[in-house]
Amino acid sequence: MNRELTLQPKIWLHYFAILLAGLIVMLLVAGALVTSNEAGDSVPDWPLSFGRWLIEADNFKANVRYEYSHRFIAGLVGFMTFLFALATWFADQRKWMKKLALYAFIAVVAQALIGGVRVLFPEYKALIAVPHALIAQSFFGLIVALAVFTSRSWFVDREGKEDKGGVALRMLTPITISSMLVQLVLGAGYRHGVWGILPHVLGAVVVTAMIIWTAAAVLIRHDDAYLKRPAALALVLLLLQVSLGLGAYFSRVAAEGDPQPLEPMISLTASHVVVGALTLATMVTLTLRCYRLLSPQGERVKSASLPTSGRKATV
């Protein structure tokens, strides 16, 4: 028997991953506030800030508050990712989980280095900011996946289901995620002035269609809460995301000519970025659950269970 099938979930590791994902959401909020307030150049040096690790109170004002807070939270996320990778390496017996946790730590280090390059080469800030945003969202998606892999529901005994009717969800869900990542790049490019709004709008149309298609396919084909819940949540988040996007755009247009960014444009833009990340996280969860539960089309239905203690399938 495959040794992995006899493993017990480490629930404390799951909660650790959830905590880390929550910190990353805080980091995304902080990063969005830096961009929305045009505070990216408020601290001129890196990795120190004004020559110090902890800046003086007199420096913590105006736009420096946003940039330094972003750096502080990023440092906390990096340290927590290191601890999570270390804990996974010793506590989780799945070799592929050890590798994923190591990749997460490598990703957060790469993200920090790109952020540093952004500070040290301000003349290229727009071009550097785009991959910085992409890696941030991809890293968040990876941590969400680690949270899914360490959850109780991942280890529950489940009967495999056949995926009938239309494009296979095992194919459709990762395509939807790919379109969302492209859209994140287009959005970051627009916010940083690399290109105009049109590519982002066109990308939004594509992503909206893909999420609706994917969620509808799940809700129509499968009467299983394990799949239906993230699909329904994706639709709710999509509606909120589109509304925030429209609000952020029209508030930005209305603020044209203002001497500095003002409300409500700042809050709407930051919220738009964060809800986009939560939508991505939901789609990552749905994708992994589809791979966990559904048999590839054309193959005989097999049990999708991981028999650990004979638990029946629960959600």
C-alpha atoms as a PDB file:
ATOM      1  CA  MET A   1       0.000   0.000   0.000  1.00  0.00           C
ATOM      2  CA  ASN A   2       1.130   3.555  -0.710  1.00  0.00           C
ATOM      3  CA  ARG A   3       2.491   4.872   2.567  1.00  0.00           C
ATOM      4  CA  GLU A   4       0.832   8.234   1.964  1.00  0.00           C
ATOM      5  CA  LEU A   5      -2.606   6.648   2.253  1.00  0.00           C
ATOM      6  CA  THR A   6      -2.067   5.850   5.946  1.00  0.00           C
ATOM      7  CA  LEU A   7      -1.057   9.349   7.037  1.00  0.00           C
ATOM      8  CA  GLN A   8      -2.951  11.462   9.541  1.00  0.00           C
ATOM      9  CA  PRO A   9      -3.526  15.192   8.925  1.00  0.00           C
ATOM     10  CA  LYS A  10      -1.483  17.632  10.996  1.00  0.00           C
ATOM     11  CA  ILE A  11      -4.241  20.084  11.848  1.00  0.00           C
ATOM     12  CA  TRP A  12      -1.890  22.498  13.601  1.00  0.00           C
ATOM     13  CA  LEU A  13       0.035  22.744  10.325  1.00  0.00           C
ATOM     14  CA  HIS A  14      -3.238  23.556   8.551  1.00  0.00           C
ATOM     15  CA  TYR A  15      -3.941  26.378  11.011  1.00  0.00           C
ATOM     16  CA  PHE A  16      -0.384  27.598  10.511  1.00  0.00           C
ATOM     17  CA  ALA A  17      -1.008  27.784   6.752  1.00  0.00           C
ATOM     18  CA  ILE A  18      -4.272  29.682   7.341  1.00  0.00           C
ATOM     19  CA  LEU A  19      -2.459  32.153   9.618  1.00  0.00           C
ATOM     20  CA  LEU A  20       0.204  32.639   6.960  1.00  0.00           C
ATOM     21  CA  ALA A  21      -2.450  33.187   4.273  1.00  0.00           C
ATOM     22  CA  GLY A  22      -4.094  35.807   6.505  1.00  0.00           C
ATOM     23  CA  LEU A  23      -0.774  37.624   6.901  1.00  0.00           C
ATOM     24  CA  ILE A  24      -0.332  37.604   3.130  1.00  0.00           C
ATOM     25  CA  VAL A  25      -3.760  39.216   2.721  1.00  0.00           C
ATOM     26  CA  MET A  26      -2.566  41.948   5.110  1.00  0.00           C
ATOM     27  CA  LEU A  27       0.569  42.286   2.987  1.00  0.00           C
ATOM     28  CA  LEU A  28      -1.505  42.613  -0.175  1.00  0.00           C
ATOM     29  CA  VAL A  29      -3.564  45.344   1.481  1.00  0.00           C
ATOM     30  CA  ALA A  30      -0.377  47.141   2.510  1.00  0.00           C
ATOM     31  CA  GLY A  31       1.071  46.815  -0.995  1.00  0.00           C
ATOM     32  CA  ALA A  32      -2.138  48.113  -2.570  1.00  0.00           C
ATOM     33  CA  LEU A  33      -2.071  51.107  -0.236  1.00  0.00           C
ATOM     34  CA  VAL A  34       1.521  51.832  -1.239  1.00  0.00           C
ATOM     35  CA  THR A  35       0.552  51.872  -4.918  1.00  0.00           C
ATOM     36  CA  SER A  36      -2.723  53.749  -4.413  1.00  0.00           C
ATOM     37  CA  ASN A  37      -1.004  56.452  -2.367  1.00  0.00           C
ATOM     38  CA  GLU A  38       1.983  56.589  -4.758  1.00  0.00           C
ATOM     39  CA  ALA A  39       4.229  55.886  -1.770  1.00  0.00           C
ATOM     40  CA  GLY A  40       6.655  53.483  -3.444  1.00  0.00           C
ATOM     41  CA  ASP A  41       9.578  55.929  -3.433  1.00  0.00           C
ATOM     42  CA  SER A  42       9.044  57.336   0.049  1.00  0.00           C
ATOM     43  CA  VAL A  43      11.843  55.209   1.558  1.00  0.00           C
ATOM     44  CA  PRO A  44      14.942  55.579  -0.638  1.00  0.00           C
ATOM     45  CA  ASP A  45      17.129  52.714   0.609  1.00  0.00           C
ATOM     46  CA  TRP A  46      16.834  48.935   0.921  1.00  0.00           C
ATOM     47  CA  PRO A  47      17.051  46.546   2.778  1.00  0.00           C
ATOM     48  CA  LEU A  48      17.408  49.194   5.507  1.00  0.00           C
ATOM     49  CA  SER A  49      14.997  52.093   5.840  1.00  0.00           C
ATOM     50  CA  PHE A  50      16.744  55.432   6.335  1.00  0.00           C
ATOM     51  CA  GLY A  51      19.772  53.398   7.396  1.00  0.00           C
ATOM     52  CA  ARG A  52      17.901  51.489  10.136  1.00  0.00           C
ATOM     53  CA  TRP A  53      15.941  48.274  10.526  1.00  0.00           C
ATOM     54  CA  LEU A  54      13.492  50.032  12.838  1.00  0.00           C
ATOM     55  CA  ILE A  55      12.961  53.619  11.754  1.00  0.00           C
ATOM     56  CA  GLU A  56      12.649  56.516  14.157  1.00  0.00           C
ATOM     57  CA  ALA A  57       9.209  57.832  15.037  1.00  0.00           C
ATOM     58  CA  ASP A  58       9.952  61.137  13.324  1.00  0.00           C
ATOM     59  CA  ASN A  59      10.285  59.309   9.987  1.00  0.00           C
ATOM     60  CA  PHE A  60       7.076  57.327  10.360  1.00  0.00           C
ATOM     61  CA  LYS A  61       4.731  59.843   8.762  1.00  0.00           C
ATOM     62  CA  ALA A  62       3.072  60.725   5.476  1.00  0.00           C
ATOM     63  CA  ASN A  63       3.735  58.145   2.740  1.00  0.00           C
ATOM     64  CA  VAL A  64       6.565  56.546   4.713  1.00  0.00           C
ATOM     65  CA  ARG A  65       3.889  54.954   6.910  1.00  0.00           C
ATOM     66  CA  TYR A  66       2.580  52.951   3.964  1.00  0.00           C
ATOM     67  CA  GLU A  67       5.941  51.919   2.537  1.00  0.00           C
ATOM     68  CA  TYR A  68       7.555  51.011   5.844  1.00  0.00           C
ATOM     69  CA  SER A  69       4.456  49.134   7.037  1.00  0.00           C
ATOM     70  CA  HIS A  70       4.557  47.178   3.792  1.00  0.00           C
ATOM     71  CA  ARG A  71       8.198  46.264   4.403  1.00  0.00           C
ATOM     72  CA  PHE A  72       7.559  45.307   8.018  1.00  0.00           C
ATOM     73  CA  ILE A  73       4.651  42.999   7.151  1.00  0.00           C
ATOM     74  CA  ALA A  74       6.680  41.539   4.261  1.00  0.00           C
ATOM     75  CA  GLY A  75       9.485  40.702   6.697  1.00  0.00           C
ATOM     76  CA  LEU A  76       6.990  39.036   9.024  1.00  0.00           C
ATOM     77  CA  VAL A  77       5.541  37.012   6.125  1.00  0.00           C
ATOM     78  CA  GLY A  78       9.019  35.942   5.063  1.00  0.00           C
ATOM     79  CA  PHE A  79       9.918  34.809   8.590  1.00  0.00           C
ATOM     80  CA  MET A  80       6.623  32.948   9.028  1.00  0.00           C
ATOM     81  CA  THR A  81       7.083  31.261   5.646  1.00  0.00           C
ATOM     82  CA  PHE A  82      10.514  30.065   6.760  1.00  0.00           C
ATOM     83  CA  LEU A  83       8.995  28.649   9.958  1.00  0.00           C
ATOM     84  CA  PHE A  84       6.195  26.994   7.997  1.00  0.00           C
ATOM     85  CA  ALA A  85       8.655  25.406   5.568  1.00  0.00           C
ATOM     86  CA  LEU A  86      10.741  24.175   8.502  1.00  0.00           C
ATOM     87  CA  ALA A  87       7.700  22.774  10.290  1.00  0.00           C
ATOM     88  CA  THR A  88       6.475  21.059   7.125  1.00  0.00           C
ATOM     89  CA  TRP A  89       9.885  19.543   6.484  1.00  0.00           C
ATOM     90  CA  PHE A  90       9.919  17.835   9.890  1.00  0.00           C
ATOM     91  CA  ALA A  91       6.209  17.240  10.560  1.00  0.00           C
ATOM     92  CA  ASP A  92       4.698  16.307   7.188  1.00  0.00           C
ATOM     93  CA  GLN A  93       5.795  12.954   5.808  1.00  0.00           C
ATOM     94  CA  ARG A  94       4.702  13.677   2.239  1.00  0.00           C
ATOM     95  CA  LYS A  95       7.796  14.394   0.161  1.00  0.00           C
ATOM     96  CA  TRP A  96       5.918  16.552  -2.331  1.00  0.00           C
ATOM     97  CA  MET A  97       4.605  18.691   0.536  1.00  0.00           C
ATOM     98  CA  LYS A  98       8.140  19.284   1.764  1.00  0.00           C
ATOM     99  CA  LYS A  99       9.084  20.446  -1.715  1.00  0.00           C
ATOM    100  CA  LEU A 100       6.067  22.736  -2.043  1.00  0.00           C
ATOM    101  CA  ALA A 101       6.838  24.365   1.304  1.00  0.00           C
ATOM    102  CA  LEU A 102      10.442  24.876   0.189  1.00  0.00           C
ATOM    103  CA  TYR A 103       9.239  26.419  -3.086  1.00  0.00           C
ATOM    104  CA  ALA A 104       7.054  28.779  -1.052  1.00  0.00           C
ATOM    105  CA  PHE A 105      10.070  29.968   0.910  1.00  0.00           C
ATOM    106  CA  ILE A 106      12.075  30.423  -2.294  1.00  0.00           C
ATOM    107  CA  ALA A 107       9.185  32.412  -3.758  1.00  0.00           C
ATOM    108  CA  VAL A 108       8.975  34.784  -0.788  1.00  0.00           C
ATOM    109  CA  VAL A 109      12.736  35.381  -0.930  1.00  0.00           C
ATOM    110  CA  ALA A 110      12.503  36.090  -4.671  1.00  0.00           C
ATOM    111  CA  GLN A 111       9.619  38.452  -4.008  1.00  0.00           C
ATOM    112  CA  ALA A 112      11.663  40.356  -1.428  1.00  0.00           C
ATOM    113  CA  LEU A 113      14.621  40.656  -3.806  1.00  0.00           C
ATOM    114  CA  ILE A 114      12.404  41.964  -6.615  1.00  0.00           C
ATOM    115  CA  GLY A 115      10.931  44.481  -4.183  1.00  0.00           C
ATOM    116  CA  GLY A 116      14.439  45.585  -3.308  1.00  0.00           C
ATOM    117  CA  VAL A 117      15.368  45.979  -6.971  1.00  0.00           C
ATOM    118  CA  ARG A 118      12.235  48.084  -7.396  1.00  0.00           C
ATOM    119  CA  VAL A 119      13.524  50.473  -4.699  1.00  0.00           C
ATOM    120  CA  LEU A 120      17.134  50.576  -5.884  1.00  0.00           C
ATOM    121  CA  PHE A 121      16.269  51.180  -9.546  1.00  0.00           C
ATOM    122  CA  PRO A 122      13.365  53.665  -9.437  1.00  0.00           C
ATOM    123  CA  GLU A 123      13.750  54.489 -13.133  1.00  0.00           C
ATOM    124  CA  TYR A 124      12.444  50.979 -13.913  1.00  0.00           C
ATOM    125  CA  LYS A 125       9.816  50.909 -11.179  1.00  0.00           C
ATOM    126  CA  ALA A 126       6.837  50.352 -13.477  1.00  0.00           C
ATOM    127  CA  LEU A 127       8.350  47.361 -15.259  1.00  0.00           C
ATOM    128  CA  ILE A 128       9.647  45.816 -12.038  1.00  0.00           C
ATOM    129  CA  ALA A 129       6.361  46.348 -10.210  1.00  0.00           C
ATOM    130  CA  VAL A 130       4.442  44.098 -12.626  1.00  0.00           C
ATOM    131  CA  PRO A 131       6.378  40.851 -11.907  1.00  0.00           C
ATOM    132  CA  HIS A 132       6.442  41.891  -8.245  1.00  0.00           C
ATOM    133  CA  ALA A 133       2.633  41.896  -8.211  1.00  0.00           C
ATOM    134  CA  LEU A 134       2.410  38.608 -10.158  1.00  0.00           C
ATOM    135  CA  ILE A 135       4.749  36.751  -7.811  1.00  0.00           C
ATOM    136  CA  ALA A 136       2.882  38.134  -4.802  1.00  0.00           C
ATOM    137  CA  GLN A 137      -0.447  36.739  -6.008  1.00  0.00           C
ATOM    138  CA  SER A 138       1.109  33.452  -7.152  1.00  0.00           C
ATOM    139  CA  PHE A 139       2.790  33.053  -3.768  1.00  0.00           C
ATOM    140  CA  PHE A 140      -0.560  33.650  -2.074  1.00  0.00           C
ATOM    141  CA  GLY A 141      -2.142  30.990  -4.279  1.00  0.00           C
ATOM    142  CA  LEU A 142       0.609  28.526  -3.315  1.00  0.00           C
ATOM    143  CA  ILE A 143       0.045  29.130   0.402  1.00  0.00           C
ATOM    144  CA  VAL A 144      -3.696  28.614  -0.100  1.00  0.00           C
ATOM    145  CA  ALA A 145      -2.904  25.312  -1.819  1.00  0.00           C
ATOM    146  CA  LEU A 146      -0.746  24.277   1.145  1.00  0.00           C
ATOM    147  CA  ALA A 147      -3.653  25.100   3.448  1.00  0.00           C
ATOM    148  CA  VAL A 148      -5.904  22.858   1.340  1.00  0.00           C
ATOM    149  CA  PHE A 149      -3.365  20.019   1.352  1.00  0.00           C
ATOM    150  CA  THR A 150      -3.106  20.105   5.159  1.00  0.00           C
ATOM    151  CA  SER A 151      -6.860  20.320   5.837  1.00  0.00           C
ATOM    152  CA  ARG A 152      -8.950  17.517   7.299  1.00  0.00           C
ATOM    153  CA  SER A 153     -11.171  17.491   4.219  1.00  0.00           C
ATOM    154  CA  TRP A 154      -8.200  16.554   2.023  1.00  0.00           C
ATOM    155  CA  PHE A 155      -7.760  13.320   4.008  1.00  0.00           C
ATOM    156  CA  VAL A 156     -11.442  12.374   4.203  1.00  0.00           C
ATOM    157  CA  ASP A 157     -12.604   9.183   2.468  1.00  0.00           C
ATOM    158  CA  ARG A 158     -14.402  10.222  -0.712  1.00  0.00           C
ATOM    159  CA  GLU A 159     -15.918   8.219  -3.533  1.00  0.00           C
ATOM    160  CA  GLY A 160     -14.540   9.336  -6.880  1.00  0.00           C
ATOM    161  CA  LYS A 161     -17.014  10.974  -9.252  1.00  0.00           C
ATOM    162  CA  GLU A 162     -17.123  10.967 -13.023  1.00  0.00           C
ATOM    163  CA  ASP A 163     -17.061  14.382 -14.665  1.00  0.00           C
ATOM    164  CA  LYS A 164     -19.592  14.325 -17.485  1.00  0.00           C
ATOM    165  CA  GLY A 165     -20.860  17.019 -19.810  1.00  0.00           C
ATOM    166  CA  GLY A 166     -18.711  19.515 -21.636  1.00  0.00           C
ATOM    167  CA  VAL A 167     -15.126  20.528 -20.991  1.00  0.00           C
ATOM    168  CA  ALA A 168     -13.548  18.576 -18.141  1.00  0.00           C
ATOM    169  CA  LEU A 169     -13.306  20.565 -14.926  1.00  0.00           C
ATOM    170  CA  ARG A 170      -9.787  19.227 -14.460  1.00  0.00           C
ATOM    171  CA  MET A 171      -8.943  21.216 -17.600  1.00  0.00           C
ATOM    172  CA  LEU A 172     -11.317  24.157 -17.183  1.00  0.00           C
ATOM    173  CA  THR A 173     -10.313  25.171 -13.651  1.00  0.00           C
ATOM    174  CA  PRO A 174      -6.553  25.594 -14.293  1.00  0.00           C
ATOM    175  CA  ILE A 175      -7.322  27.500 -17.509  1.00  0.00           C
ATOM    176  CA  THR A 176      -9.491  29.851 -15.452  1.00  0.00           C
ATOM    177  CA  ILE A 177      -6.667  30.344 -12.947  1.00  0.00           C
ATOM    178  CA  SER A 178      -4.252  31.092 -15.800  1.00  0.00           C
ATOM    179  CA  SER A 179      -6.608  33.753 -17.171  1.00  0.00           C
ATOM    180  CA  MET A 180      -6.832  35.296 -13.701  1.00  0.00           C
ATOM    181  CA  LEU A 181      -3.042  35.495 -13.402  1.00  0.00           C
ATOM    182  CA  VAL A 182      -2.847  37.202 -16.796  1.00  0.00           C
ATOM    183  CA  GLN A 183      -5.517  39.634 -15.613  1.00  0.00           C
ATOM    184  CA  LEU A 184      -3.487  40.362 -12.485  1.00  0.00           C
ATOM    185  CA  VAL A 185      -0.549  41.305 -14.709  1.00  0.00           C
ATOM    186  CA  LEU A 186      -2.784  43.550 -16.817  1.00  0.00           C
ATOM    187  CA  GLY A 187      -4.181  45.200 -13.694  1.00  0.00           C
ATOM    188  CA  ALA A 188      -0.734  45.767 -12.193  1.00  0.00           C
ATOM    189  CA  GLY A 189       0.469  47.239 -15.485  1.00  0.00           C
ATOM    190  CA  TYR A 190      -2.456  49.662 -15.525  1.00  0.00           C
ATOM    191  CA  ARG A 191      -1.978  50.762 -11.912  1.00  0.00           C
ATOM    192  CA  HIS A 192       1.719  51.406 -12.501  1.00  0.00           C
ATOM    193  CA  GLY A 193       1.223  53.182 -15.811  1.00  0.00           C
ATOM    194  CA  VAL A 194       2.840  50.585 -18.092  1.00  0.00           C
ATOM    195  CA  TRP A 195      -0.240  50.558 -20.346  1.00  0.00           C
ATOM    196  CA  GLY A 196      -3.757  51.953 -20.398  1.00  0.00           C
ATOM    197  CA  ILE A 197      -7.051  50.646 -19.090  1.00  0.00           C
ATOM    198  CA  LEU A 198      -8.168  48.797 -22.251  1.00  0.00           C
ATOM    199  CA  PRO A 199      -6.077  45.611 -21.789  1.00  0.00           C
ATOM    200  CA  HIS A 200      -7.321  45.344 -18.203  1.00  0.00           C
ATOM    201  CA  VAL A 201     -10.948  45.799 -19.273  1.00  0.00           C
ATOM    202  CA  LEU A 202     -10.645  43.167 -21.988  1.00  0.00           C
ATOM    203  CA  GLY A 203      -8.964  40.841 -19.517  1.00  0.00           C
ATOM    204  CA  ALA A 204     -11.796  41.434 -17.058  1.00  0.00           C
ATOM    205  CA  VAL A 205     -14.345  40.371 -19.682  1.00  0.00           C
ATOM    206  CA  VAL A 206     -12.424  37.141 -20.333  1.00  0.00           C
ATOM    207  CA  VAL A 207     -11.952  36.338 -16.641  1.00  0.00           C
ATOM    208  CA  THR A 208     -15.602  37.070 -15.853  1.00  0.00           C
ATOM    209  CA  ALA A 209     -16.692  34.689 -18.599  1.00  0.00           C
ATOM    210  CA  MET A 210     -14.256  31.986 -17.452  1.00  0.00           C
ATOM    211  CA  ILE A 211     -15.306  32.140 -13.797  1.00  0.00           C
ATOM    212  CA  ILE A 212     -19.014  32.061 -14.683  1.00  0.00           C
ATOM    213  CA  TRP A 213     -18.431  29.158 -17.071  1.00  0.00           C
ATOM    214  CA  THR A 214     -16.407  27.201 -14.512  1.00  0.00           C
ATOM    215  CA  ALA A 215     -18.711  27.840 -11.563  1.00  0.00           C
ATOM    216  CA  ALA A 216     -21.828  27.085 -13.617  1.00  0.00           C
ATOM    217  CA  ALA A 217     -20.299  23.822 -14.841  1.00  0.00           C
ATOM    218  CA  VAL A 218     -19.662  22.755 -11.247  1.00  0.00           C
ATOM    219  CA  LEU A 219     -23.109  23.756  -9.981  1.00  0.00           C
ATOM    220  CA  ILE A 220     -24.936  22.094 -12.896  1.00  0.00           C
ATOM    221  CA  ARG A 221     -22.935  18.868 -13.087  1.00  0.00           C
ATOM    222  CA  HIS A 222     -22.248  18.035  -9.447  1.00  0.00           C
ATOM    223  CA  ASP A 223     -24.491  17.956  -6.390  1.00  0.00           C
ATOM    224  CA  ASP A 224     -21.640  17.858  -3.907  1.00  0.00           C
ATOM    225  CA  ALA A 225     -21.053  20.647  -1.371  1.00  0.00           C
ATOM    226  CA  TYR A 226     -17.308  19.921  -1.473  1.00  0.00           C
ATOM    227  CA  LEU A 227     -17.299  21.380  -4.989  1.00  0.00           C
ATOM    228  CA  LYS A 228     -20.396  23.594  -4.932  1.00  0.00           C
ATOM    229  CA  ARG A 229     -19.334  25.807  -2.031  1.00  0.00           C
ATOM    230  CA  PRO A 230     -16.149  27.238  -3.591  1.00  0.00           C
ATOM    231  CA  ALA A 231     -17.931  27.531  -6.951  1.00  0.00           C
ATOM    232  CA  ALA A 232     -20.757  29.574  -5.414  1.00  0.00           C
ATOM    233  CA  LEU A 233     -18.288  31.675  -3.429  1.00  0.00           C
ATOM    234  CA  ALA A 234     -16.340  32.411  -6.618  1.00  0.00           C
ATOM    235  CA  LEU A 235     -19.498  33.868  -8.190  1.00  0.00           C
ATOM    236  CA  VAL A 236     -20.177  36.076  -5.161  1.00  0.00           C
ATOM    237  CA  LEU A 237     -16.593  37.331  -5.106  1.00  0.00           C
ATOM    238  CA  LEU A 238     -16.710  37.913  -8.863  1.00  0.00           C
ATOM    239  CA  LEU A 239     -19.764  40.164  -8.498  1.00  0.00           C
ATOM    240  CA  LEU A 240     -18.043  42.096  -5.716  1.00  0.00           C
ATOM    241  CA  GLN A 241     -14.804  42.323  -7.707  1.00  0.00           C
ATOM    242  CA  VAL A 242     -16.503  43.714 -10.815  1.00  0.00           C
ATOM    243  CA  SER A 243     -18.364  46.277  -8.693  1.00  0.00           C
ATOM    244  CA  LEU A 244     -15.155  47.368  -6.968  1.00  0.00           C
ATOM    245  CA  GLY A 245     -13.343  47.549 -10.294  1.00  0.00           C
ATOM    246  CA  LEU A 246     -15.969  49.854 -11.761  1.00  0.00           C
ATOM    247  CA  GLY A 247     -15.965  51.964  -8.615  1.00  0.00           C
ATOM    248  CA  ALA A 248     -12.175  52.212  -8.581  1.00  0.00           C
ATOM    249  CA  TYR A 249     -12.044  53.213 -12.252  1.00  0.00           C
ATOM    250  CA  PHE A 250     -14.728  55.906 -12.073  1.00  0.00           C
ATOM    251  CA  SER A 251     -13.283  57.313  -8.832  1.00  0.00           C
ATOM    252  CA  ARG A 252      -9.874  57.463 -10.516  1.00  0.00           C
ATOM    253  CA  VAL A 253     -11.378  59.305 -13.485  1.00  0.00           C
ATOM    254  CA  ALA A 254     -13.166  61.718 -11.135  1.00  0.00           C
ATOM    255  CA  ALA A 255      -9.893  62.329  -9.265  1.00  0.00           C
ATOM    256  CA  GLU A 256      -8.010  63.232 -12.467  1.00  0.00           C
ATOM    257  CA  GLY A 257      -6.001  66.366 -11.778  1.00  0.00           C
ATOM    258  CA  ASP A 258      -6.036  66.018  -7.983  1.00  0.00           C
ATOM    259  CA  PRO A 259      -2.644  66.933  -6.454  1.00  0.00           C
ATOM    260  CA  GLN A 260      -2.527  63.573  -4.628  1.00  0.00           C
ATOM    261  CA  PRO A 261      -4.569  60.370  -4.396  1.00  0.00           C
ATOM    262  CA  LEU A 262      -7.679  60.817  -2.281  1.00  0.00           C
ATOM    263  CA  GLU A 263     -10.596  58.776  -0.985  1.00  0.00           C
ATOM    264  CA  PRO A 264     -12.642  56.895  -2.105  1.00  0.00           C
ATOM    265  CA  MET A 265     -10.245  55.965  -4.913  1.00  0.00           C
ATOM    266  CA  ILE A 266      -7.599  54.656  -2.491  1.00  0.00           C
ATOM    267  CA  SER A 267      -9.920  52.317  -0.582  1.00  0.00           C
ATOM    268  CA  LEU A 268     -11.728  51.117  -3.699  1.00  0.00           C
ATOM    269  CA  THR A 269      -8.488  50.296  -5.498  1.00  0.00           C
ATOM    270  CA  ALA A 270      -6.995  48.490  -2.495  1.00  0.00           C
ATOM    271  CA  SER A 271     -10.224  46.526  -1.980  1.00  0.00           C
ATOM    272  CA  HIS A 272     -10.255  45.609  -5.677  1.00  0.00           C
ATOM    273  CA  VAL A 273      -6.754  44.138  -5.382  1.00  0.00           C
ATOM    274  CA  VAL A 274      -7.571  42.153  -2.247  1.00  0.00           C
ATOM    275  CA  VAL A 275     -10.897  40.751  -3.487  1.00  0.00           C
ATOM    276  CA  GLY A 276      -9.089  39.707  -6.675  1.00  0.00           C
ATOM    277  CA  ALA A 277      -6.662  37.742  -4.527  1.00  0.00           C
ATOM    278  CA  LEU A 278      -9.504  36.121  -2.573  1.00  0.00           C
ATOM    279  CA  THR A 279     -11.186  35.155  -5.840  1.00  0.00           C
ATOM    280  CA  LEU A 280      -7.936  33.554  -6.969  1.00  0.00           C
ATOM    281  CA  ALA A 281      -7.694  31.683  -3.659  1.00  0.00           C
ATOM    282  CA  THR A 282     -11.237  30.379  -4.077  1.00  0.00           C
ATOM    283  CA  MET A 283     -10.505  29.180  -7.591  1.00  0.00           C
ATOM    284  CA  VAL A 284      -7.300  27.469  -6.423  1.00  0.00           C
ATOM    285  CA  THR A 285      -9.348  25.652  -3.783  1.00  0.00           C
ATOM    286  CA  LEU A 286     -11.954  24.618  -6.345  1.00  0.00           C
ATOM    287  CA  THR A 287      -9.272  23.391  -8.749  1.00  0.00           C
ATOM    288  CA  LEU A 288      -7.579  21.229  -6.134  1.00  0.00           C
ATOM    289  CA  ARG A 289     -10.913  19.800  -5.001  1.00  0.00           C
ATOM    290  CA  CYS A 290     -11.782  18.917  -8.600  1.00  0.00           C
ATOM    291  CA  TYR A 291      -8.508  17.038  -8.934  1.00  0.00           C
ATOM    292  CA  ARG A 292      -9.108  15.408  -5.564  1.00  0.00           C
ATOM    293  CA  LEU A 293     -12.643  14.221  -6.262  1.00  0.00           C
ATOM    294  CA  LEU A 294     -13.201  13.899 -10.011  1.00  0.00           C
ATOM    295  CA  SER A 295     -11.853  11.146 -12.214  1.00  0.00           C
ATOM    296  CA  PRO A 296     -10.374  12.198 -15.569  1.00  0.00           C
ATOM    297  CA  GLN A 297     -12.917  12.010 -18.362  1.00  0.00           C
ATOM    298  CA  GLY A 298     -12.725   8.760 -20.260  1.00  0.00           C
ATOM    299  CA  GLU A 299     -11.394   6.824 -17.272  1.00  0.00           C
ATOM    300  CA  ARG A 300     -13.283   4.490 -15.014  1.00  0.00           C
ATOM    301  CA  VAL A 301     -14.395   6.082 -11.745  1.00  0.00           C
ATOM    302  CA  LYS A 302     -11.970   5.248  -8.969  1.00  0.00           C
ATOM    303  CA  SER A 303     -12.098   5.931  -5.271  1.00  0.00           C
ATOM    304  CA  ALA A 304     -10.694   9.326  -4.444  1.00  0.00           C
ATOM    305  CA  SER A 305     -10.305   8.440  -0.792  1.00  0.00           C
ATOM    306  CA  LEU A 306      -7.222   8.617   1.371  1.00  0.00           C
ATOM    307  CA  PRO A 307      -8.080   5.975   3.982  1.00  0.00           C
ATOM    308  CA  THR A 308      -6.599   7.269   7.193  1.00  0.00           C
ATOM    309  CA  SER A 309      -9.011   6.265   9.898  1.00  0.00           C
ATOM    310  CA  GLY A 310     -12.119   5.140   8.091  1.00  0.00           C
ATOM    311  CA  ARG A 311     -13.794   8.539   8.349  1.00  0.00           C
ATOM    312  CA  LYS A 312     -16.804   9.068   6.107  1.00  0.00           C
ATOM    313  CA  ALA A 313     -16.841  11.926   3.689  1.00  0.00           C
ATOM    314  CA  THR A 314     -17.782  15.211   5.325  1.00  0.00           C
ATOM    315  CA  VAL A 315     -17.505  18.787   4.200  1.00  0.00           C
END
